[in-house]
């Protein structure tokens, strides 16, 4: 399964590394790609992925991180 989100607050490589690091704590995530330029995050995961919990974790990292589902 794949979920694509937009996080407008992403602005540098450290942001991407932080999001990837936190995502590593979710065993249901098989891979994650963060594109700093487009602010898109592609999450490959299994059906047990808890999107709400992941969103809460990511948004708690930085007040500018607002996770929004992307249409593509």
Protein backbone atom coordinates (compact mmCIF):
# COMPACT_ATOMS: atom_id res chain seq x y z
CA UNK A 1 0.00 0.00 0.00
CA UNK A 2 1.12 3.54 -0.60
CA UNK A 3 0.10 6.84 0.94
CA UNK A 4 1.27 10.20 -0.38
CA UNK A 5 1.12 13.25 1.85
CA UNK A 6 2.25 16.85 1.62
CA UNK A 7 4.06 18.51 4.52
CA UNK A 8 4.51 22.20 3.63
CA UNK A 9 6.87 22.83 6.56
CA UNK A 10 9.65 20.67 5.08
CA UNK A 11 12.49 22.93 3.95
CA UNK A 12 15.86 21.15 4.28
CA UNK A 13 17.72 17.84 4.40
CA UNK A 14 17.50 17.81 8.19
CA UNK A 15 13.70 17.93 7.97
CA UNK A 16 13.75 14.94 5.63
CA UNK A 17 16.15 13.02 7.88
CA UNK A 18 14.00 13.72 10.95
CA UNK A 19 10.82 12.51 9.24
CA UNK A 20 12.60 9.37 8.00
CA UNK A 21 14.03 8.73 11.48
CA UNK A 22 10.65 8.97 13.21
CA UNK A 23 9.03 6.86 10.48
CA UNK A 24 11.58 4.14 11.22
CA UNK A 25 9.79 3.64 14.55
CA UNK A 26 6.73 2.36 12.65
CA UNK A 27 7.33 -1.28 11.69
CA UNK A 28 4.41 -1.17 9.24
CA UNK A 29 6.33 1.33 7.06
CA UNK A 30 8.44 -0.51 4.48
CA UNK A 31 9.95 2.58 2.86
CA UNK A 32 9.60 6.35 2.90
CA UNK A 33 10.70 8.99 0.42
CA UNK A 34 10.81 12.68 1.30
CA UNK A 35 11.05 15.21 -1.54
CA UNK A 36 12.18 18.55 -0.11
CA UNK A 37 11.39 20.48 -3.31
CA UNK A 38 7.79 19.32 -3.71
CA UNK A 39 7.15 18.85 0.05
CA UNK A 40 5.75 15.38 -0.78
CA UNK A 41 6.28 12.29 1.33
CA UNK A 42 5.62 8.86 -0.18
CA UNK A 43 5.00 6.18 2.44
CA UNK A 44 5.01 2.51 1.46
CA UNK A 45 3.35 0.48 4.19
CA UNK A 46 1.30 -2.56 5.05
CA UNK A 47 -2.36 -2.52 6.05
CA UNK A 48 -1.59 -2.15 9.76
CA UNK A 49 -0.13 1.35 9.25
CA UNK A 50 -1.64 3.81 11.74
CA UNK A 51 -1.84 7.03 9.73
CA UNK A 52 -3.31 9.00 12.63
CA UNK A 53 -0.49 8.03 15.01
CA UNK A 54 2.17 8.74 12.36
CA UNK A 55 0.59 12.14 11.64
CA UNK A 56 0.58 13.03 15.35
CA UNK A 57 4.24 12.02 15.68
CA UNK A 58 5.33 14.02 12.63
CA UNK A 59 3.32 17.13 13.55
CA UNK A 60 4.78 17.07 17.09
CA UNK A 61 8.29 17.47 15.65
CA UNK A 62 7.83 21.01 14.36
CA UNK A 63 4.93 23.48 14.50
CA UNK A 64 5.25 24.09 10.74
CA UNK A 65 4.71 20.39 9.89
CA UNK A 66 1.07 19.94 8.90
CA UNK A 67 0.41 16.59 7.24
CA UNK A 68 -2.08 16.75 4.39
CA UNK A 69 -3.19 13.85 2.21
CA UNK A 70 -2.13 14.40 -1.37
CA UNK A 71 -4.21 13.49 -4.38
CA UNK A 72 -1.05 12.21 -6.18
